[in-house]
Amino acid sequence: AFNPTTRTWRRIADAPQSLNQATAAWTGQEMIVFGADLGDGNISDTINAQAIAYNPATDSWRQIDTSGDYGEAPGALSPQASSVSWMGDRLLAYDYDLKASTYDPLADSWSAIDRVPLDFRECYPASAATSDHVMAWYCGTAAVYDGESGRWTELTGIPPRARETVADPVAANDIFLLAGT
């Protein structure tokens, strides 16, 4: 962990498992890390993505349950690639296959939501969140999840320069930014 005020590093507790292809989101109390430990050939040793949460106040980790059958259990997402974003009261995760779920850390439970309404392609998912919306960015296409209505909307009219971006989207207050080439 790095403290920018003192410009010092400190070692934190070891994570309960290795995740070398993962994304993370800060909840205000914990950092939730979601992804996989991919080995040779980009293959995971687990059938689903894994989730762990780090609490800096206690310097401790906890395991988040992602077990179950892929496509049926809400937290069971693909280990190949995923993206997570914090929506103020829950985490939204979606994967390479465009399956999506939300996670409530207070209830320690997953809820299934509709799939991201984009076409499958070969790329890594990325996302950014405001307090009530998440932008899913996927191979130069995008959809926005409205936390209030629980619905996805595919975005159209994305400028060509933004479609070619290699940067992940960023949320700034109530807007999303994409860095074009």
C-alpha atoms as a PDB file:
ATOM      1  CA  ALA A   1       0.000   0.000   0.000  1.00  0.00           C
ATOM      2  CA  PHE A   2       1.288   3.471  -0.844  1.00  0.00           C
ATOM      3  CA  ASN A   3       0.586   6.549   1.309  1.00  0.00           C
ATOM      4  CA  PRO A   4       0.928   9.653  -0.915  1.00  0.00           C
ATOM      5  CA  THR A   5       1.075  12.001   2.093  1.00  0.00           C
ATOM      6  CA  THR A   6       4.143  10.333   3.607  1.00  0.00           C
ATOM      7  CA  ARG A   7       5.352   8.968   0.243  1.00  0.00           C
ATOM      8  CA  THR A   8       5.946   5.594   1.841  1.00  0.00           C
ATOM      9  CA  TRP A   9       5.042   2.005   1.071  1.00  0.00           C
ATOM     10  CA  ARG A  10       3.913  -0.622   3.559  1.00  0.00           C
ATOM     11  CA  ARG A  11       3.420  -4.315   3.122  1.00  0.00           C
ATOM     12  CA  ILE A  12      -0.165  -5.513   3.481  1.00  0.00           C
ATOM     13  CA  ALA A  13      -1.482  -8.953   4.423  1.00  0.00           C
ATOM     14  CA  ASP A  14      -1.056 -11.619   1.778  1.00  0.00           C
ATOM     15  CA  ALA A  15      -4.132 -12.208  -0.369  1.00  0.00           C
ATOM     16  CA  PRO A  16      -5.850 -15.582   0.108  1.00  0.00           C
ATOM     17  CA  GLN A  17      -5.257 -16.397  -3.539  1.00  0.00           C
ATOM     18  CA  SER A  18      -3.383 -15.174  -6.577  1.00  0.00           C
ATOM     19  CA  LEU A  19      -5.263 -13.193  -9.237  1.00  0.00           C
ATOM     20  CA  ASN A  20      -3.032 -12.141 -12.123  1.00  0.00           C
ATOM     21  CA  GLN A  21      -5.781 -10.995 -14.516  1.00  0.00           C
ATOM     22  CA  ALA A  22      -8.206  -8.942 -12.453  1.00  0.00           C
ATOM     23  CA  THR A  23      -9.862  -5.590 -11.942  1.00  0.00           C
ATOM     24  CA  ALA A  24     -10.691  -3.898  -8.663  1.00  0.00           C
ATOM     25  CA  ALA A  25     -13.126  -1.360  -7.262  1.00  0.00           C
ATOM     26  CA  TRP A  26     -13.112   0.661  -4.028  1.00  0.00           C
ATOM     27  CA  THR A  27     -16.356   0.544  -2.020  1.00  0.00           C
ATOM     28  CA  GLY A  28     -15.403   3.182   0.540  1.00  0.00           C
ATOM     29  CA  GLN A  29     -14.431   0.444   3.010  1.00  0.00           C
ATOM     30  CA  GLU A  30     -12.953  -2.371   0.953  1.00  0.00           C
ATOM     31  CA  MET A  31     -11.134  -2.985  -2.280  1.00  0.00           C
ATOM     32  CA  ILE A  32     -12.919  -5.773  -4.134  1.00  0.00           C
ATOM     33  CA  VAL A  33     -10.695  -7.613  -6.585  1.00  0.00           C
ATOM     34  CA  PHE A  34     -12.381  -9.766  -9.228  1.00  0.00           C
ATOM     35  CA  GLY A  35     -10.718 -11.958 -11.825  1.00  0.00           C
ATOM     36  CA  ALA A  36      -8.627 -15.082 -12.267  1.00  0.00           C
ATOM     37  CA  ASP A  37      -5.208 -16.608 -11.982  1.00  0.00           C
ATOM     38  CA  LEU A  38      -4.459 -17.420 -15.601  1.00  0.00           C
ATOM     39  CA  GLY A  39      -1.698 -19.873 -16.388  1.00  0.00           C
ATOM     40  CA  ASP A  40      -0.167 -21.132 -19.593  1.00  0.00           C
ATOM     41  CA  GLY A  41      -2.431 -20.732 -22.605  1.00  0.00           C
ATOM     42  CA  ASN A  42      -4.514 -18.097 -20.804  1.00  0.00           C
ATOM     43  CA  ILE A  43      -6.314 -20.873 -18.896  1.00  0.00           C
ATOM     44  CA  SER A  44      -7.641 -20.497 -15.366  1.00  0.00           C
ATOM     45  CA  ASP A  45      -7.334 -23.179 -12.731  1.00  0.00           C
ATOM     46  CA  THR A  46     -10.878 -22.328 -11.574  1.00  0.00           C
ATOM     47  CA  ILE A  47     -14.124 -22.684 -13.496  1.00  0.00           C
ATOM     48  CA  ASN A  48     -15.381 -19.219 -12.453  1.00  0.00           C
ATOM     49  CA  ALA A  49     -13.804 -15.839 -11.842  1.00  0.00           C
ATOM     50  CA  GLN A  50     -12.761 -15.345  -8.227  1.00  0.00           C
ATOM     51  CA  ALA A  51     -13.450 -12.438  -5.869  1.00  0.00           C
ATOM     52  CA  ILE A  52     -11.629 -11.274  -2.762  1.00  0.00           C
ATOM     53  CA  ALA A  53     -11.992  -8.123  -0.660  1.00  0.00           C
ATOM     54  CA  TYR A  54      -9.273  -6.235   1.229  1.00  0.00           C
ATOM     55  CA  ASN A  55     -10.062  -4.057   4.254  1.00  0.00           C
ATOM     56  CA  PRO A  56      -7.183  -1.609   4.947  1.00  0.00           C
ATOM     57  CA  ALA A  57      -8.540  -0.726   8.410  1.00  0.00           C
ATOM     58  CA  THR A  58      -8.008  -4.317   9.591  1.00  0.00           C
ATOM     59  CA  ASP A  59      -5.294  -5.276   7.076  1.00  0.00           C
ATOM     60  CA  SER A  60      -7.306  -8.373   6.244  1.00  0.00           C
ATOM     61  CA  TRP A  61      -8.817 -10.162   3.268  1.00  0.00           C
ATOM     62  CA  ARG A  62     -12.038 -12.089   2.860  1.00  0.00           C
ATOM     63  CA  GLN A  63     -13.124 -14.493   0.176  1.00  0.00           C
ATOM     64  CA  ILE A  64     -16.310 -13.670  -1.778  1.00  0.00           C
ATOM     65  CA  ASP A  65     -18.327 -16.669  -2.955  1.00  0.00           C
ATOM     66  CA  THR A  66     -18.435 -17.012  -6.752  1.00  0.00           C
ATOM     67  CA  SER A  67     -19.285 -20.707  -6.838  1.00  0.00           C
ATOM     68  CA  GLY A  68     -22.041 -22.305  -8.851  1.00  0.00           C
ATOM     69  CA  ASP A  69     -22.750 -23.227 -12.421  1.00  0.00           C
ATOM     70  CA  TYR A  70     -21.704 -20.653 -15.010  1.00  0.00           C
ATOM     71  CA  GLY A  71     -24.779 -19.097 -16.576  1.00  0.00           C
ATOM     72  CA  GLU A  72     -26.957 -20.035 -13.606  1.00  0.00           C
ATOM     73  CA  ALA A  73     -25.406 -18.778 -10.360  1.00  0.00           C
ATOM     74  CA  PRO A  74     -25.352 -14.953 -10.340  1.00  0.00           C
ATOM     75  CA  GLY A  75     -21.741 -14.603  -9.146  1.00  0.00           C
ATOM     76  CA  ALA A  76     -20.407 -17.319 -11.430  1.00  0.00           C
ATOM     77  CA  LEU A  77     -18.743 -15.322 -14.215  1.00  0.00           C
ATOM     78  CA  SER A  78     -16.112 -16.358 -16.760  1.00  0.00           C
ATOM     79  CA  PRO A  79     -12.528 -16.410 -15.474  1.00  0.00           C
ATOM     80  CA  GLN A  80     -11.129 -15.365 -18.854  1.00  0.00           C
ATOM     81  CA  ALA A  81     -11.694 -11.608 -18.518  1.00  0.00           C
ATOM     82  CA  SER A  82     -13.973  -9.419 -16.471  1.00  0.00           C
ATOM     83  CA  SER A  83     -14.525  -5.865 -15.341  1.00  0.00           C
ATOM     84  CA  VAL A  84     -15.959  -4.443 -12.123  1.00  0.00           C
ATOM     85  CA  SER A  85     -17.232  -1.012 -11.109  1.00  0.00           C
ATOM     86  CA  TRP A  86     -18.639   0.354  -7.843  1.00  0.00           C
ATOM     87  CA  MET A  87     -22.083   1.980  -8.064  1.00  0.00           C
ATOM     88  CA  GLY A  88     -22.255   3.539  -4.587  1.00  0.00           C
ATOM     89  CA  ASP A  89     -24.065   0.632  -2.940  1.00  0.00           C
ATOM     90  CA  ARG A  90     -23.150  -2.397  -5.050  1.00  0.00           C
ATOM     91  CA  LEU A  91     -20.554  -3.749  -7.398  1.00  0.00           C
ATOM     92  CA  LEU A  92     -21.398  -4.460 -11.027  1.00  0.00           C
ATOM     93  CA  ALA A  93     -19.326  -7.176 -12.700  1.00  0.00           C
ATOM     94  CA  TYR A  94     -19.470  -8.363 -16.282  1.00  0.00           C
ATOM     95  CA  ASP A  95     -17.347 -10.792 -18.207  1.00  0.00           C
ATOM     96  CA  TYR A  96     -15.876 -11.685 -21.584  1.00  0.00           C
ATOM     97  CA  ASP A  97     -19.121 -13.471 -22.510  1.00  0.00           C
ATOM     98  CA  LEU A  98     -21.126 -10.329 -21.545  1.00  0.00           C
ATOM     99  CA  LYS A  99     -22.842 -12.010 -18.570  1.00  0.00           C
ATOM    100  CA  ALA A 100     -23.440  -9.491 -15.765  1.00  0.00           C
ATOM    101  CA  SER A 101     -24.227  -9.554 -12.046  1.00  0.00           C
ATOM    102  CA  THR A 102     -24.280  -7.182  -9.109  1.00  0.00           C
ATOM    103  CA  TYR A 103     -22.766  -7.842  -5.685  1.00  0.00           C
ATOM    104  CA  ASP A 104     -24.029  -6.328  -2.412  1.00  0.00           C
ATOM    105  CA  PRO A 105     -21.168  -6.463   0.136  1.00  0.00           C
ATOM    106  CA  LEU A 106     -23.476  -5.732   3.100  1.00  0.00           C
ATOM    107  CA  ALA A 107     -25.658  -8.745   2.313  1.00  0.00           C
ATOM    108  CA  ASP A 108     -22.681 -10.678   0.861  1.00  0.00           C
ATOM    109  CA  SER A 109     -24.879 -11.738  -2.042  1.00  0.00           C
ATOM    110  CA  TRP A 110     -24.954 -11.697  -5.839  1.00  0.00           C
ATOM    111  CA  SER A 111     -27.937 -10.813  -8.034  1.00  0.00           C
ATOM    112  CA  ALA A 112     -28.279 -11.671 -11.697  1.00  0.00           C
ATOM    113  CA  ILE A 113     -28.967  -8.829 -14.112  1.00  0.00           C
ATOM    114  CA  ASP A 114     -29.511  -8.826 -17.868  1.00  0.00           C
ATOM    115  CA  ARG A 115     -26.555  -9.565 -20.125  1.00  0.00           C
ATOM    116  CA  VAL A 116     -24.697  -6.591 -21.566  1.00  0.00           C
ATOM    117  CA  PRO A 117     -26.524  -5.955 -24.899  1.00  0.00           C
ATOM    118  CA  LEU A 118     -23.442  -6.019 -27.138  1.00  0.00           C
ATOM    119  CA  ASP A 119     -22.145  -8.544 -29.656  1.00  0.00           C
ATOM    120  CA  PHE A 120     -19.453 -10.966 -28.516  1.00  0.00           C
ATOM    121  CA  ARG A 121     -15.983 -10.172 -29.846  1.00  0.00           C
ATOM    122  CA  GLU A 122     -12.387 -10.995 -28.891  1.00  0.00           C
ATOM    123  CA  CYS A 123     -11.339  -8.284 -26.441  1.00  0.00           C
ATOM    124  CA  TYR A 124     -11.098  -7.411 -22.771  1.00  0.00           C
ATOM    125  CA  PRO A 125     -14.076  -5.736 -21.101  1.00  0.00           C
ATOM    126  CA  ALA A 126     -13.648  -2.436 -19.268  1.00  0.00           C
ATOM    127  CA  SER A 127     -16.039  -0.275 -17.270  1.00  0.00           C
ATOM    128  CA  ALA A 128     -16.468   2.909 -15.279  1.00  0.00           C
ATOM    129  CA  ALA A 129     -19.211   3.977 -12.887  1.00  0.00           C
ATOM    130  CA  THR A 130     -20.977   7.049 -11.627  1.00  0.00           C
ATOM    131  CA  SER A 131     -23.177   6.722  -8.540  1.00  0.00           C
ATOM    132  CA  ASP A 132     -26.041   5.243 -10.545  1.00  0.00           C
ATOM    133  CA  HIS A 133     -24.716   4.243 -13.989  1.00  0.00           C
ATOM    134  CA  VAL A 134     -22.031   1.920 -15.343  1.00  0.00           C
ATOM    135  CA  MET A 135     -20.552   2.167 -18.818  1.00  0.00           C
ATOM    136  CA  ALA A 136     -19.508  -1.201 -20.216  1.00  0.00           C
ATOM    137  CA  TRP A 137     -16.816  -0.655 -22.885  1.00  0.00           C
ATOM    138  CA  TYR A 138     -16.218  -3.636 -25.141  1.00  0.00           C
ATOM    139  CA  CYS A 139     -14.260  -3.700 -28.428  1.00  0.00           C
ATOM    140  CA  GLY A 140     -15.148  -0.125 -29.355  1.00  0.00           C
ATOM    141  CA  THR A 141     -18.809  -0.591 -28.434  1.00  0.00           C
ATOM    142  CA  ALA A 142     -20.578   0.485 -25.271  1.00  0.00           C
ATOM    143  CA  ALA A 143     -23.684   0.045 -23.190  1.00  0.00           C
ATOM    144  CA  VAL A 144     -24.813   1.897 -20.073  1.00  0.00           C
ATOM    145  CA  TYR A 145     -26.471   0.220 -17.097  1.00  0.00           C
ATOM    146  CA  ASP A 146     -28.992   2.355 -15.204  1.00  0.00           C
ATOM    147  CA  GLY A 147     -28.903   1.295 -11.552  1.00  0.00           C
ATOM    148  CA  GLU A 148     -32.333   2.762 -10.863  1.00  0.00           C
ATOM    149  CA  SER A 149     -34.221   0.980 -13.637  1.00  0.00           C
ATOM    150  CA  GLY A 150     -31.945  -2.068 -13.737  1.00  0.00           C
ATOM    151  CA  ARG A 151     -31.706  -1.824 -17.533  1.00  0.00           C
ATOM    152  CA  TRP A 152     -28.910  -1.715 -20.079  1.00  0.00           C
ATOM    153  CA  THR A 153     -28.975   0.610 -23.095  1.00  0.00           C
ATOM    154  CA  GLU A 154     -26.616   0.078 -26.007  1.00  0.00           C
ATOM    155  CA  LEU A 155     -24.916   3.316 -27.007  1.00  0.00           C
ATOM    156  CA  THR A 156     -25.018   4.357 -30.641  1.00  0.00           C
ATOM    157  CA  GLY A 157     -23.252   7.170 -32.454  1.00  0.00           C
ATOM    158  CA  ILE A 158     -19.871   6.574 -30.807  1.00  0.00           C
ATOM    159  CA  PRO A 159     -17.390   8.774 -32.700  1.00  0.00           C
ATOM    160  CA  PRO A 160     -14.836   6.809 -34.791  1.00  0.00           C
ATOM    161  CA  ARG A 161     -11.889   8.177 -32.792  1.00  0.00           C
ATOM    162  CA  ALA A 162     -13.455   6.970 -29.549  1.00  0.00           C
ATOM    163  CA  ARG A 163     -14.118   3.523 -31.063  1.00  0.00           C
ATOM    164  CA  GLU A 164     -10.376   3.161 -31.644  1.00  0.00           C
ATOM    165  CA  THR A 165      -9.408   3.973 -28.063  1.00  0.00           C
ATOM    166  CA  VAL A 166      -7.239   1.601 -26.118  1.00  0.00           C
ATOM    167  CA  ALA A 167      -7.865   3.379 -22.824  1.00  0.00           C
ATOM    168  CA  ASP A 168     -10.553   2.291 -20.387  1.00  0.00           C
ATOM    169  CA  PRO A 169     -13.495   4.646 -19.842  1.00  0.00           C
ATOM    170  CA  VAL A 170     -13.319   7.027 -16.891  1.00  0.00           C
ATOM    171  CA  ALA A 171     -16.234   8.417 -14.905  1.00  0.00           C
ATOM    172  CA  ALA A 172     -16.006  12.080 -13.918  1.00  0.00           C
ATOM    173  CA  ASN A 173     -18.928  13.202 -11.777  1.00  0.00           C
ATOM    174  CA  ASP A 174     -21.928  12.323 -13.962  1.00  0.00           C
ATOM    175  CA  ILE A 175     -20.225  11.866 -17.327  1.00  0.00           C
ATOM    176  CA  PHE A 176     -18.086   9.198 -18.961  1.00  0.00           C
ATOM    177  CA  LEU A 177     -14.864  10.038 -20.800  1.00  0.00           C
ATOM    178  CA  LEU A 178     -13.134   8.050 -23.528  1.00  0.00           C
ATOM    179  CA  ALA A 179      -9.644   8.895 -24.745  1.00  0.00           C
ATOM    180  CA  GLY A 180      -9.623   8.744 -28.548  1.00  0.00           C
ATOM    181  CA  THR A 181      -6.556   8.199 -30.674  1.00  0.00           C
END
